[in-house]
Amino acid sequence: MKIAILSNGNANYSTQRLVAEAEKRGHKVRVIKYKNCYLSLDEKHSYVLYKGEKLSKFDAVIPRISNSMTRYGCAVVRQLEMEGAWMVSSSIAITRARDKLRSQQILTKAGVDTPKTLVSRNTTDIDDLLDQIGLPVIIKLATGTHGNGVVLADTKKAAKSALQAFYLYNEDGTNILLQEYIKESAGTDIRAFVVGSRVVASMKRQSLDDDFRSNLHKGGEGTSVKLTPEEKRIAVKAAKAMGLHVAGVDLMRSSKGPLVLEVNASPGFGIEKVTGRNVAEKIIEYVEHNATRKNSKDRVGA
């Protein structure tokens, strides 16, 4: 198979792992820096160009789009989709997952348990918002990532200050969310790595100090963890609700059961080092099974 990986480049660890596993299984792989692609669009011929050449048709494309390049990266993904390429993650699924508010709406509609969340653009309603959600409260930007744009406020005064600061400096109009604080999981969460309809690896992330954020990017420490059947079920359900075939689902263990915090469209591969599980191999196996089936149907219908 001819496989394209849309990535920031060969230096990326996840890209290296995907290339290694795909080549091990006899596939031809090309890493494409999507930020260096450009689109040629007209009513007769529209396509993606890279390094001065039109990208030829691939059997499968694995998008690894960074948060900071979501809009342009998804435009490249969308153009390749329009040309008939089979995608591990669709442009619309990636876009959904990058918007925390949209994600929250989709997950709750699908019946996925999440922490209670409030959203408002009106700073005059702060007192009512805090009465609704309670204290302490987590305040986050809808487009934050790796634990950035997230604060914990344990008093009304602190919450008001944080909200006013977010509203004042939030010039791009990003939505701000207030989320229920789950005391029993403070500083701890679980990353479930979903491929297809299975959790292929899972780890617990624990902050190393009194930081309530457990992200590895914030210095959190990861350890392998065994999920309960209910945790596996809700992780797969969350990924499916978002339309993602490969996803990192972040969970919290609460007194009322597992709660989904977030669904990541381009989860990091640090989980391989923590758990010893070969996540990249599972992704390539998924690609082989599904892209081959799709391409076979295309040939039959041609």
C-alpha atoms as a PDB file:
ATOM      1  CA  MET A   1       0.000   0.000   0.000  1.00  0.00           C
ATOM      2  CA  LYS A   2       0.966   3.631  -0.537  1.00  0.00           C
ATOM      3  CA  ILE A   3       0.477   5.470   2.748  1.00  0.00           C
ATOM      4  CA  ALA A   4       0.814   9.206   3.338  1.00  0.00           C
ATOM      5  CA  ILE A   5       1.375  10.653   6.801  1.00  0.00           C
ATOM      6  CA  LEU A   6       0.422  14.319   7.139  1.00  0.00           C
ATOM      7  CA  SER A   7       2.747  15.554   9.843  1.00  0.00           C
ATOM      8  CA  ASN A   8       5.046  18.339  10.973  1.00  0.00           C
ATOM      9  CA  GLY A   9       7.943  16.193   9.766  1.00  0.00           C
ATOM     10  CA  ASN A  10      10.147  13.144  10.296  1.00  0.00           C
ATOM     11  CA  ALA A  11      11.475  14.396  13.635  1.00  0.00           C
ATOM     12  CA  ASN A  12       8.089  13.851  15.261  1.00  0.00           C
ATOM     13  CA  TYR A  13       8.138  10.687  17.425  1.00  0.00           C
ATOM     14  CA  SER A  14       4.659   9.517  16.433  1.00  0.00           C
ATOM     15  CA  THR A  15       5.557   9.964  12.760  1.00  0.00           C
ATOM     16  CA  GLN A  16       8.744   7.946  13.212  1.00  0.00           C
ATOM     17  CA  ARG A  17       6.822   5.121  14.851  1.00  0.00           C
ATOM     18  CA  LEU A  18       4.144   5.019  12.161  1.00  0.00           C
ATOM     19  CA  VAL A  19       6.748   5.018   9.391  1.00  0.00           C
ATOM     20  CA  ALA A  20       8.725   2.229  11.065  1.00  0.00           C
ATOM     21  CA  GLU A  21       5.696  -0.026  11.556  1.00  0.00           C
ATOM     22  CA  ALA A  22       4.315   0.608   8.069  1.00  0.00           C
ATOM     23  CA  GLU A  23       7.654  -0.100   6.378  1.00  0.00           C
ATOM     24  CA  LYS A  24       8.132  -3.204   8.519  1.00  0.00           C
ATOM     25  CA  ARG A  25       4.894  -4.521   7.021  1.00  0.00           C
ATOM     26  CA  GLY A  26       6.029  -3.781   3.463  1.00  0.00           C
ATOM     27  CA  HIS A  27       4.182  -0.524   2.768  1.00  0.00           C
ATOM     28  CA  LYS A  28       5.519   2.511   0.917  1.00  0.00           C
ATOM     29  CA  VAL A  29       5.294   5.554   3.170  1.00  0.00           C
ATOM     30  CA  ARG A  30       5.636   9.237   2.415  1.00  0.00           C
ATOM     31  CA  VAL A  31       5.758  11.874   5.133  1.00  0.00           C
ATOM     32  CA  ILE A  32       4.182  15.132   3.981  1.00  0.00           C
ATOM     33  CA  LYS A  33       4.604  18.397   5.879  1.00  0.00           C
ATOM     34  CA  TYR A  34       1.061  19.608   5.440  1.00  0.00           C
ATOM     35  CA  LYS A  35       1.967  23.190   6.368  1.00  0.00           C
ATOM     36  CA  ASN A  36       4.143  23.277   3.233  1.00  0.00           C
ATOM     37  CA  CYS A  37       1.335  22.029   0.990  1.00  0.00           C
ATOM     38  CA  TYR A  38      -0.704  24.399  -1.114  1.00  0.00           C
ATOM     39  CA  LEU A  39      -4.028  23.961  -2.836  1.00  0.00           C
ATOM     40  CA  SER A  40      -4.834  24.580  -6.486  1.00  0.00           C
ATOM     41  CA  LEU A  41      -8.566  25.191  -6.810  1.00  0.00           C
ATOM     42  CA  ASP A  42     -10.704  25.807  -9.884  1.00  0.00           C
ATOM     43  CA  GLU A  43     -13.952  24.475 -11.332  1.00  0.00           C
ATOM     44  CA  LYS A  44     -12.208  21.828 -13.447  1.00  0.00           C
ATOM     45  CA  HIS A  45      -9.187  20.621 -11.510  1.00  0.00           C
ATOM     46  CA  SER A  46      -8.562  20.992  -7.779  1.00  0.00           C
ATOM     47  CA  TYR A  47      -5.694  19.241  -6.033  1.00  0.00           C
ATOM     48  CA  VAL A  48      -2.941  19.430  -3.416  1.00  0.00           C
ATOM     49  CA  LEU A  49       0.602  20.411  -4.379  1.00  0.00           C
ATOM     50  CA  TYR A  50       3.712  19.636  -2.357  1.00  0.00           C
ATOM     51  CA  LYS A  51       7.252  20.657  -3.263  1.00  0.00           C
ATOM     52  CA  GLY A  52       6.010  21.777  -6.673  1.00  0.00           C
ATOM     53  CA  GLU A  53       4.284  18.527  -7.603  1.00  0.00           C
ATOM     54  CA  LYS A  54       0.719  17.309  -7.503  1.00  0.00           C
ATOM     55  CA  LEU A  55       0.282  14.677  -4.821  1.00  0.00           C
ATOM     56  CA  SER A  56      -0.470  11.332  -6.407  1.00  0.00           C
ATOM     57  CA  LYS A  57      -3.275   9.148  -5.117  1.00  0.00           C
ATOM     58  CA  PHE A  58      -2.558   7.261  -1.886  1.00  0.00           C
ATOM     59  CA  ASP A  59      -4.252   4.098  -0.652  1.00  0.00           C
ATOM     60  CA  ALA A  60      -4.494   5.641   2.804  1.00  0.00           C
ATOM     61  CA  VAL A  61      -3.726   8.917   4.566  1.00  0.00           C
ATOM     62  CA  ILE A  62      -2.941   9.268   8.272  1.00  0.00           C
ATOM     63  CA  PRO A  63      -3.455  12.881   9.399  1.00  0.00           C
ATOM     64  CA  ARG A  64      -1.370  14.041  12.366  1.00  0.00           C
ATOM     65  CA  ILE A  65      -2.576  17.649  12.484  1.00  0.00           C
ATOM     66  CA  SER A  66      -1.261  19.893  15.269  1.00  0.00           C
ATOM     67  CA  ASN A  67      -3.634  22.068  17.282  1.00  0.00           C
ATOM     68  CA  SER A  68      -2.008  25.304  16.088  1.00  0.00           C
ATOM     69  CA  MET A  69      -2.465  24.321  12.423  1.00  0.00           C
ATOM     70  CA  THR A  70      -5.979  22.857  12.640  1.00  0.00           C
ATOM     71  CA  ARG A  71      -7.657  25.095  10.062  1.00  0.00           C
ATOM     72  CA  TYR A  72      -5.035  24.796   7.350  1.00  0.00           C
ATOM     73  CA  GLY A  73      -4.225  21.178   8.111  1.00  0.00           C
ATOM     74  CA  CYS A  74      -7.895  20.243   7.853  1.00  0.00           C
ATOM     75  CA  ALA A  75      -8.178  22.141   4.553  1.00  0.00           C
ATOM     76  CA  VAL A  76      -5.450  19.873   3.156  1.00  0.00           C
ATOM     77  CA  VAL A  77      -7.161  16.790   4.606  1.00  0.00           C
ATOM     78  CA  ARG A  78     -10.503  17.905   3.159  1.00  0.00           C
ATOM     79  CA  GLN A  79      -9.047  18.370  -0.327  1.00  0.00           C
ATOM     80  CA  LEU A  80      -7.520  14.892  -0.281  1.00  0.00           C
ATOM     81  CA  GLU A  81     -10.882  13.524   0.909  1.00  0.00           C
ATOM     82  CA  MET A  82     -12.582  15.192  -2.056  1.00  0.00           C
ATOM     83  CA  GLU A  83     -10.128  13.412  -4.334  1.00  0.00           C
ATOM     84  CA  GLY A  84     -11.219  10.067  -2.870  1.00  0.00           C
ATOM     85  CA  ALA A  85      -8.380   9.307  -0.458  1.00  0.00           C
ATOM     86  CA  TRP A  86      -9.217   7.011   2.477  1.00  0.00           C
ATOM     87  CA  MET A  87      -8.559   8.850   5.744  1.00  0.00           C
ATOM     88  CA  VAL A  88      -7.856   7.478   9.201  1.00  0.00           C
ATOM     89  CA  SER A  89      -9.435  10.672  10.597  1.00  0.00           C
ATOM     90  CA  SER A  90     -11.772  12.894   8.599  1.00  0.00           C
ATOM     91  CA  SER A  91     -11.374  16.654   8.452  1.00  0.00           C
ATOM     92  CA  ILE A  92     -14.746  17.210  10.125  1.00  0.00           C
ATOM     93  CA  ALA A  93     -13.922  14.834  13.004  1.00  0.00           C
ATOM     94  CA  ILE A  94     -10.602  16.572  13.649  1.00  0.00           C
ATOM     95  CA  THR A  95     -12.282  19.993  13.586  1.00  0.00           C
ATOM     96  CA  ARG A  96     -14.994  18.836  16.010  1.00  0.00           C
ATOM     97  CA  ALA A  97     -12.470  17.449  18.473  1.00  0.00           C
ATOM     98  CA  ARG A  98     -10.469  20.696  18.537  1.00  0.00           C
ATOM     99  CA  ASP A  99     -13.466  22.705  19.765  1.00  0.00           C
ATOM    100  CA  LYS A 100     -14.115  21.816  23.414  1.00  0.00           C
ATOM    101  CA  LEU A 101     -17.602  23.304  23.378  1.00  0.00           C
ATOM    102  CA  ARG A 102     -18.634  21.458  20.233  1.00  0.00           C
ATOM    103  CA  SER A 103     -17.115  18.268  21.618  1.00  0.00           C
ATOM    104  CA  GLN A 104     -19.058  18.674  24.853  1.00  0.00           C
ATOM    105  CA  GLN A 105     -22.306  19.123  22.948  1.00  0.00           C
ATOM    106  CA  ILE A 106     -21.664  16.050  20.798  1.00  0.00           C
ATOM    107  CA  LEU A 107     -20.652  13.848  23.732  1.00  0.00           C
ATOM    108  CA  THR A 108     -23.618  14.774  25.908  1.00  0.00           C
ATOM    109  CA  LYS A 109     -26.046  14.285  23.014  1.00  0.00           C
ATOM    110  CA  ALA A 110     -24.557  10.805  22.504  1.00  0.00           C
ATOM    111  CA  GLY A 111     -25.146   9.959  26.168  1.00  0.00           C
ATOM    112  CA  VAL A 112     -21.470  10.005  27.175  1.00  0.00           C
ATOM    113  CA  ASP A 113     -20.990  10.961  30.841  1.00  0.00           C
ATOM    114  CA  THR A 114     -18.891  14.102  31.313  1.00  0.00           C
ATOM    115  CA  PRO A 115     -18.303  16.609  34.122  1.00  0.00           C
ATOM    116  CA  LYS A 116     -21.067  19.243  34.302  1.00  0.00           C
ATOM    117  CA  THR A 117     -20.129  22.173  32.064  1.00  0.00           C
ATOM    118  CA  LEU A 118     -21.447  25.727  31.640  1.00  0.00           C
ATOM    119  CA  VAL A 119     -20.730  28.133  28.798  1.00  0.00           C
ATOM    120  CA  SER A 120     -21.471  31.847  28.660  1.00  0.00           C
ATOM    121  CA  ARG A 121     -20.290  34.941  26.819  1.00  0.00           C
ATOM    122  CA  ASN A 122     -21.830  37.358  29.331  1.00  0.00           C
ATOM    123  CA  THR A 123     -19.556  38.543  32.146  1.00  0.00           C
ATOM    124  CA  THR A 124     -22.537  39.956  34.067  1.00  0.00           C
ATOM    125  CA  ASP A 125     -23.756  36.410  34.800  1.00  0.00           C
ATOM    126  CA  ILE A 126     -20.637  35.304  36.703  1.00  0.00           C
ATOM    127  CA  ASP A 127     -22.401  35.026  40.077  1.00  0.00           C
ATOM    128  CA  ASP A 128     -25.189  32.911  38.627  1.00  0.00           C
ATOM    129  CA  LEU A 129     -22.714  30.724  36.725  1.00  0.00           C
ATOM    130  CA  LEU A 130     -20.759  30.022  39.897  1.00  0.00           C
ATOM    131  CA  ASP A 131     -23.946  29.277  41.835  1.00  0.00           C
ATOM    132  CA  GLN A 132     -24.891  26.770  39.121  1.00  0.00           C
ATOM    133  CA  ILE A 133     -21.530  24.978  38.913  1.00  0.00           C
ATOM    134  CA  GLY A 134     -20.227  25.321  42.504  1.00  0.00           C
ATOM    135  CA  LEU A 135     -16.707  25.783  43.834  1.00  0.00           C
ATOM    136  CA  PRO A 136     -13.935  24.901  43.227  1.00  0.00           C
ATOM    137  CA  VAL A 137     -14.416  25.318  39.464  1.00  0.00           C
ATOM    138  CA  ILE A 138     -12.239  24.620  36.441  1.00  0.00           C
ATOM    139  CA  ILE A 139     -12.195  27.405  33.838  1.00  0.00           C
ATOM    140  CA  LYS A 140     -10.863  26.654  30.381  1.00  0.00           C
ATOM    141  CA  LEU A 141     -10.573  28.065  26.872  1.00  0.00           C
ATOM    142  CA  ALA A 142     -12.452  26.015  24.289  1.00  0.00           C
ATOM    143  CA  THR A 143      -9.337  25.738  22.117  1.00  0.00           C
ATOM    144  CA  GLY A 144      -6.728  25.115  24.836  1.00  0.00           C
ATOM    145  CA  THR A 145      -4.386  22.134  24.546  1.00  0.00           C
ATOM    146  CA  HIS A 146      -1.752  20.280  26.624  1.00  0.00           C
ATOM    147  CA  GLY A 147      -3.199  21.839  29.786  1.00  0.00           C
ATOM    148  CA  ASN A 148      -2.773  25.404  28.542  1.00  0.00           C
ATOM    149  CA  GLY A 149      -5.673  27.823  28.931  1.00  0.00           C
ATOM    150  CA  VAL A 150      -6.973  25.982  32.001  1.00  0.00           C
ATOM    151  CA  VAL A 151      -7.160  27.299  35.582  1.00  0.00           C
ATOM    152  CA  LEU A 152      -8.627  26.057  38.855  1.00  0.00           C
ATOM    153  CA  ALA A 153     -10.410  28.622  41.039  1.00  0.00           C
ATOM    154  CA  ASP A 154     -11.412  27.694  44.594  1.00  0.00           C
ATOM    155  CA  THR A 155     -13.101  30.979  45.575  1.00  0.00           C
ATOM    156  CA  LYS A 156     -15.614  33.291  43.914  1.00  0.00           C
ATOM    157  CA  LYS A 157     -13.070  36.072  43.873  1.00  0.00           C
ATOM    158  CA  ALA A 158     -10.467  33.930  42.118  1.00  0.00           C
ATOM    159  CA  ALA A 159     -13.050  32.615  39.637  1.00  0.00           C
ATOM    160  CA  LYS A 160     -14.260  36.129  38.804  1.00  0.00           C
ATOM    161  CA  SER A 161     -10.694  37.344  38.299  1.00  0.00           C
ATOM    162  CA  ALA A 162      -9.876  34.426  35.995  1.00  0.00           C
ATOM    163  CA  LEU A 163     -13.073  34.819  33.978  1.00  0.00           C
ATOM    164  CA  GLN A 164     -12.641  38.560  33.602  1.00  0.00           C
ATOM    165  CA  ALA A 165      -9.038  38.064  32.488  1.00  0.00           C
ATOM    166  CA  PHE A 166     -10.084  35.435  29.938  1.00  0.00           C
ATOM    167  CA  TYR A 167     -12.874  37.645  28.594  1.00  0.00           C
ATOM    168  CA  LEU A 168     -10.619  40.712  28.483  1.00  0.00           C
ATOM    169  CA  TYR A 169      -7.685  39.114  26.644  1.00  0.00           C
ATOM    170  CA  ASN A 170      -9.655  36.601  24.598  1.00  0.00           C
ATOM    171  CA  GLU A 171      -9.564  38.695  21.439  1.00  0.00           C
ATOM    172  CA  ASP A 172     -10.208  35.828  19.002  1.00  0.00           C
ATOM    173  CA  GLY A 173     -13.632  35.166  20.489  1.00  0.00           C
ATOM    174  CA  THR A 174     -12.868  31.655  21.740  1.00  0.00           C
ATOM    175  CA  ASN A 175     -15.576  30.261  24.010  1.00  0.00           C
ATOM    176  CA  ILE A 176     -14.865  29.896  27.723  1.00  0.00           C
ATOM    177  CA  LEU A 177     -16.110  26.894  29.670  1.00  0.00           C
ATOM    178  CA  LEU A 178     -16.720  26.417  33.389  1.00  0.00           C
ATOM    179  CA  GLN A 179     -16.469  22.784  34.435  1.00  0.00           C
ATOM    180  CA  GLU A 180     -17.312  20.857  37.569  1.00  0.00           C
ATOM    181  CA  TYR A 181     -14.265  20.019  39.704  1.00  0.00           C
ATOM    182  CA  ILE A 182     -13.994  16.305  40.490  1.00  0.00           C
ATOM    183  CA  LYS A 183     -12.291  16.246  43.873  1.00  0.00           C
ATOM    184  CA  GLU A 184     -11.593  12.506  44.000  1.00  0.00           C
ATOM    185  CA  SER A 185      -9.576  12.682  40.748  1.00  0.00           C
ATOM    186  CA  ALA A 186      -7.611  15.859  41.451  1.00  0.00           C
ATOM    187  CA  GLY A 187      -4.293  15.747  39.592  1.00  0.00           C
ATOM    188  CA  THR A 188      -5.074  12.361  38.033  1.00  0.00           C
ATOM    189  CA  ASP A 189      -6.687  11.215  34.830  1.00  0.00           C
ATOM    190  CA  ILE A 190      -6.573   8.271  32.426  1.00  0.00           C
ATOM    191  CA  ARG A 191      -5.650   8.305  28.742  1.00  0.00           C
ATOM    192  CA  ALA A 192      -7.310   5.519  26.769  1.00  0.00           C
ATOM    193  CA  PHE A 193      -5.892   5.091  23.267  1.00  0.00           C
ATOM    194  CA  VAL A 194      -8.683   3.931  20.965  1.00  0.00           C
ATOM    195  CA  VAL A 195      -8.117   2.359  17.547  1.00  0.00           C
ATOM    196  CA  GLY A 196     -11.280   1.330  15.730  1.00  0.00           C
ATOM    197  CA  SER A 197     -13.582  -0.208  18.311  1.00  0.00           C
ATOM    198  CA  ARG A 198     -10.891  -1.201  20.829  1.00  0.00           C
ATOM    199  CA  VAL A 199      -8.786   0.385  23.542  1.00  0.00           C
ATOM    200  CA  VAL A 200      -5.258  -0.703  22.588  1.00  0.00           C
ATOM    201  CA  ALA A 201      -3.375   0.991  25.449  1.00  0.00           C
ATOM    202  CA  SER A 202      -4.183   2.917  28.608  1.00  0.00           C
ATOM    203  CA  MET A 203      -2.217   4.862  31.180  1.00  0.00           C
ATOM    204  CA  LYS A 204      -2.862   6.844  34.329  1.00  0.00           C
ATOM    205  CA  ARG A 205      -1.369  10.330  34.411  1.00  0.00           C
ATOM    206  CA  GLN A 206      -0.506  11.882  37.750  1.00  0.00           C
ATOM    207  CA  SER A 207       0.785  15.399  38.401  1.00  0.00           C
ATOM    208  CA  LEU A 208       4.095  15.449  40.259  1.00  0.00           C
ATOM    209  CA  ASP A 209       3.163  18.341  42.553  1.00  0.00           C
ATOM    210  CA  ASP A 210      -0.086  19.989  43.614  1.00  0.00           C
ATOM    211  CA  ASP A 211      -1.024  20.935  40.011  1.00  0.00           C
ATOM    212  CA  PHE A 212      -4.561  19.755  39.234  1.00  0.00           C
ATOM    213  CA  ARG A 213      -3.524  19.154  35.586  1.00  0.00           C
ATOM    214  CA  SER A 214      -2.045  15.738  34.869  1.00  0.00           C
ATOM    215  CA  ASN A 215      -0.866  16.326  31.273  1.00  0.00           C
ATOM    216  CA  LEU A 216       2.524  14.814  30.456  1.00  0.00           C
ATOM    217  CA  HIS A 217       3.345  18.123  28.739  1.00  0.00           C
ATOM    218  CA  LYS A 218       2.982  19.758  32.173  1.00  0.00           C
ATOM    219  CA  GLY A 219       5.369  17.329  33.847  1.00  0.00           C
ATOM    220  CA  GLY A 220       2.796  14.695  34.738  1.00  0.00           C
ATOM    221  CA  GLU A 221       3.968  11.120  35.251  1.00  0.00           C
ATOM    222  CA  GLY A 222       2.386   8.224  33.357  1.00  0.00           C
ATOM    223  CA  THR A 223       1.945   4.635  34.543  1.00  0.00           C
ATOM    224  CA  SER A 224       0.235   1.705  32.879  1.00  0.00           C
ATOM    225  CA  VAL A 225      -3.284   1.056  34.159  1.00  0.00           C
ATOM    226  CA  LYS A 226      -5.923  -1.614  33.557  1.00  0.00           C
ATOM    227  CA  LEU A 227      -9.312  -0.220  32.622  1.00  0.00           C
ATOM    228  CA  THR A 228     -12.614  -1.590  33.801  1.00  0.00           C
ATOM    229  CA  PRO A 229     -15.060  -2.873  31.159  1.00  0.00           C
ATOM    230  CA  GLU A 230     -17.170   0.251  31.750  1.00  0.00           C
ATOM    231  CA  GLU A 231     -14.171   2.548  31.187  1.00  0.00           C
ATOM    232  CA  LYS A 232     -13.320   0.749  27.950  1.00  0.00           C
ATOM    233  CA  ARG A 233     -16.922   0.990  26.806  1.00  0.00           C
ATOM    234  CA  ILE A 234     -17.217   4.716  27.468  1.00  0.00           C
ATOM    235  CA  ALA A 235     -13.849   5.443  25.798  1.00  0.00           C
ATOM    236  CA  VAL A 236     -14.886   3.662  22.604  1.00  0.00           C
ATOM    237  CA  LYS A 237     -18.324   5.291  22.740  1.00  0.00           C
ATOM    238  CA  ALA A 238     -16.764   8.758  23.050  1.00  0.00           C
ATOM    239  CA  ALA A 239     -14.405   8.208  20.096  1.00  0.00           C
ATOM    240  CA  LYS A 240     -17.289   6.884  17.991  1.00  0.00           C
ATOM    241  CA  ALA A 241     -19.496   9.859  18.907  1.00  0.00           C
ATOM    242  CA  MET A 242     -16.771  12.205  17.668  1.00  0.00           C
ATOM    243  CA  GLY A 243     -16.353  10.226  14.440  1.00  0.00           C
ATOM    244  CA  LEU A 244     -12.723   9.381  15.237  1.00  0.00           C
ATOM    245  CA  HIS A 245     -11.241   5.974  14.385  1.00  0.00           C
ATOM    246  CA  VAL A 246      -8.002   6.794  16.203  1.00  0.00           C
ATOM    247  CA  ALA A 247      -8.314   8.870  19.365  1.00  0.00           C
ATOM    248  CA  GLY A 248      -6.918   9.570  22.783  1.00  0.00           C
ATOM    249  CA  VAL A 249      -9.839   9.649  25.208  1.00  0.00           C
ATOM    250  CA  ASP A 250      -9.157  11.304  28.568  1.00  0.00           C
ATOM    251  CA  LEU A 251     -11.181   9.920  31.470  1.00  0.00           C
ATOM    252  CA  MET A 252     -11.665  10.679  35.142  1.00  0.00           C
ATOM    253  CA  ARG A 253     -12.649   8.194  37.804  1.00  0.00           C
ATOM    254  CA  SER A 254     -15.373   9.797  39.886  1.00  0.00           C
ATOM    255  CA  SER A 255     -17.738   8.686  42.625  1.00  0.00           C
ATOM    256  CA  LYS A 256     -20.485   8.428  40.000  1.00  0.00           C
ATOM    257  CA  GLY A 257     -18.404   6.431  37.517  1.00  0.00           C
ATOM    258  CA  PRO A 258     -16.015   7.255  34.644  1.00  0.00           C
ATOM    259  CA  LEU A 259     -16.356  10.705  33.076  1.00  0.00           C
ATOM    260  CA  VAL A 260     -14.938  11.764  29.720  1.00  0.00           C
ATOM    261  CA  LEU A 261     -12.914  14.964  29.847  1.00  0.00           C
ATOM    262  CA  GLU A 262     -11.720  15.248  26.263  1.00  0.00           C
ATOM    263  CA  VAL A 263     -11.248  13.355  22.996  1.00  0.00           C
ATOM    264  CA  ASN A 264      -7.945  14.025  21.229  1.00  0.00           C
ATOM    265  CA  ALA A 265      -7.798  13.635  17.439  1.00  0.00           C
ATOM    266  CA  SER A 266      -3.998  13.342  17.234  1.00  0.00           C
ATOM    267  CA  PRO A 267      -2.946  11.658  20.487  1.00  0.00           C
ATOM    268  CA  GLY A 268       0.757  11.464  21.261  1.00  0.00           C
ATOM    269  CA  PHE A 269       2.628   8.152  21.283  1.00  0.00           C
ATOM    270  CA  GLY A 270       4.290   8.622  24.669  1.00  0.00           C
ATOM    271  CA  ILE A 271       1.803   6.007  25.861  1.00  0.00           C
ATOM    272  CA  GLU A 272       3.889   3.366  24.054  1.00  0.00           C
ATOM    273  CA  LYS A 273       6.882   4.093  26.282  1.00  0.00           C
ATOM    274  CA  VAL A 274       4.735   3.992  29.415  1.00  0.00           C
ATOM    275  CA  THR A 275       2.755   0.833  28.650  1.00  0.00           C
ATOM    276  CA  GLY A 276       5.024  -1.124  26.316  1.00  0.00           C
ATOM    277  CA  ARG A 277       2.087  -1.497  23.897  1.00  0.00           C
ATOM    278  CA  ASN A 278       2.735  -1.171  20.166  1.00  0.00           C
ATOM    279  CA  VAL A 279       0.123   1.458  19.324  1.00  0.00           C
ATOM    280  CA  ALA A 280       1.632   2.316  15.930  1.00  0.00           C
ATOM    281  CA  GLU A 281       1.307  -1.308  14.808  1.00  0.00           C
ATOM    282  CA  LYS A 282      -2.393  -1.353  15.767  1.00  0.00           C
ATOM    283  CA  ILE A 283      -2.999   1.792  13.702  1.00  0.00           C
ATOM    284  CA  ILE A 284      -1.271   0.327  10.643  1.00  0.00           C
ATOM    285  CA  GLU A 285      -3.253  -2.908  11.039  1.00  0.00           C
ATOM    286  CA  TYR A 286      -6.442  -0.834  11.147  1.00  0.00           C
ATOM    287  CA  VAL A 287      -5.350   1.021   8.000  1.00  0.00           C
ATOM    288  CA  GLU A 288      -4.613  -2.245   6.196  1.00  0.00           C
ATOM    289  CA  HIS A 289      -8.003  -3.731   6.981  1.00  0.00           C
ATOM    290  CA  ASN A 290     -10.158  -0.682   6.244  1.00  0.00           C
ATOM    291  CA  ALA A 291      -8.307   1.050   3.403  1.00  0.00           C
ATOM    292  CA  THR A 292      -7.925  -2.232   1.520  1.00  0.00           C
ATOM    293  CA  ARG A 293     -11.645  -2.928   1.868  1.00  0.00           C
ATOM    294  CA  LYS A 294     -12.564   0.602   0.720  1.00  0.00           C
ATOM    295  CA  ASN A 295     -10.218   0.495  -2.274  1.00  0.00           C
ATOM    296  CA  SER A 296     -11.540  -2.937  -3.270  1.00  0.00           C
ATOM    297  CA  LYS A 297     -15.107  -1.581  -3.288  1.00  0.00           C
ATOM    298  CA  ASP A 298     -13.958   1.366  -5.419  1.00  0.00           C
ATOM    299  CA  ARG A 299     -12.421  -0.994  -7.997  1.00  0.00           C
ATOM    300  CA  VAL A 300     -15.575  -3.104  -8.124  1.00  0.00           C
ATOM    301  CA  GLY A 301     -17.733  -0.027  -8.665  1.00  0.00           C
ATOM    302  CA  ALA A 302     -15.454   1.479 -11.318  1.00  0.00           C
END
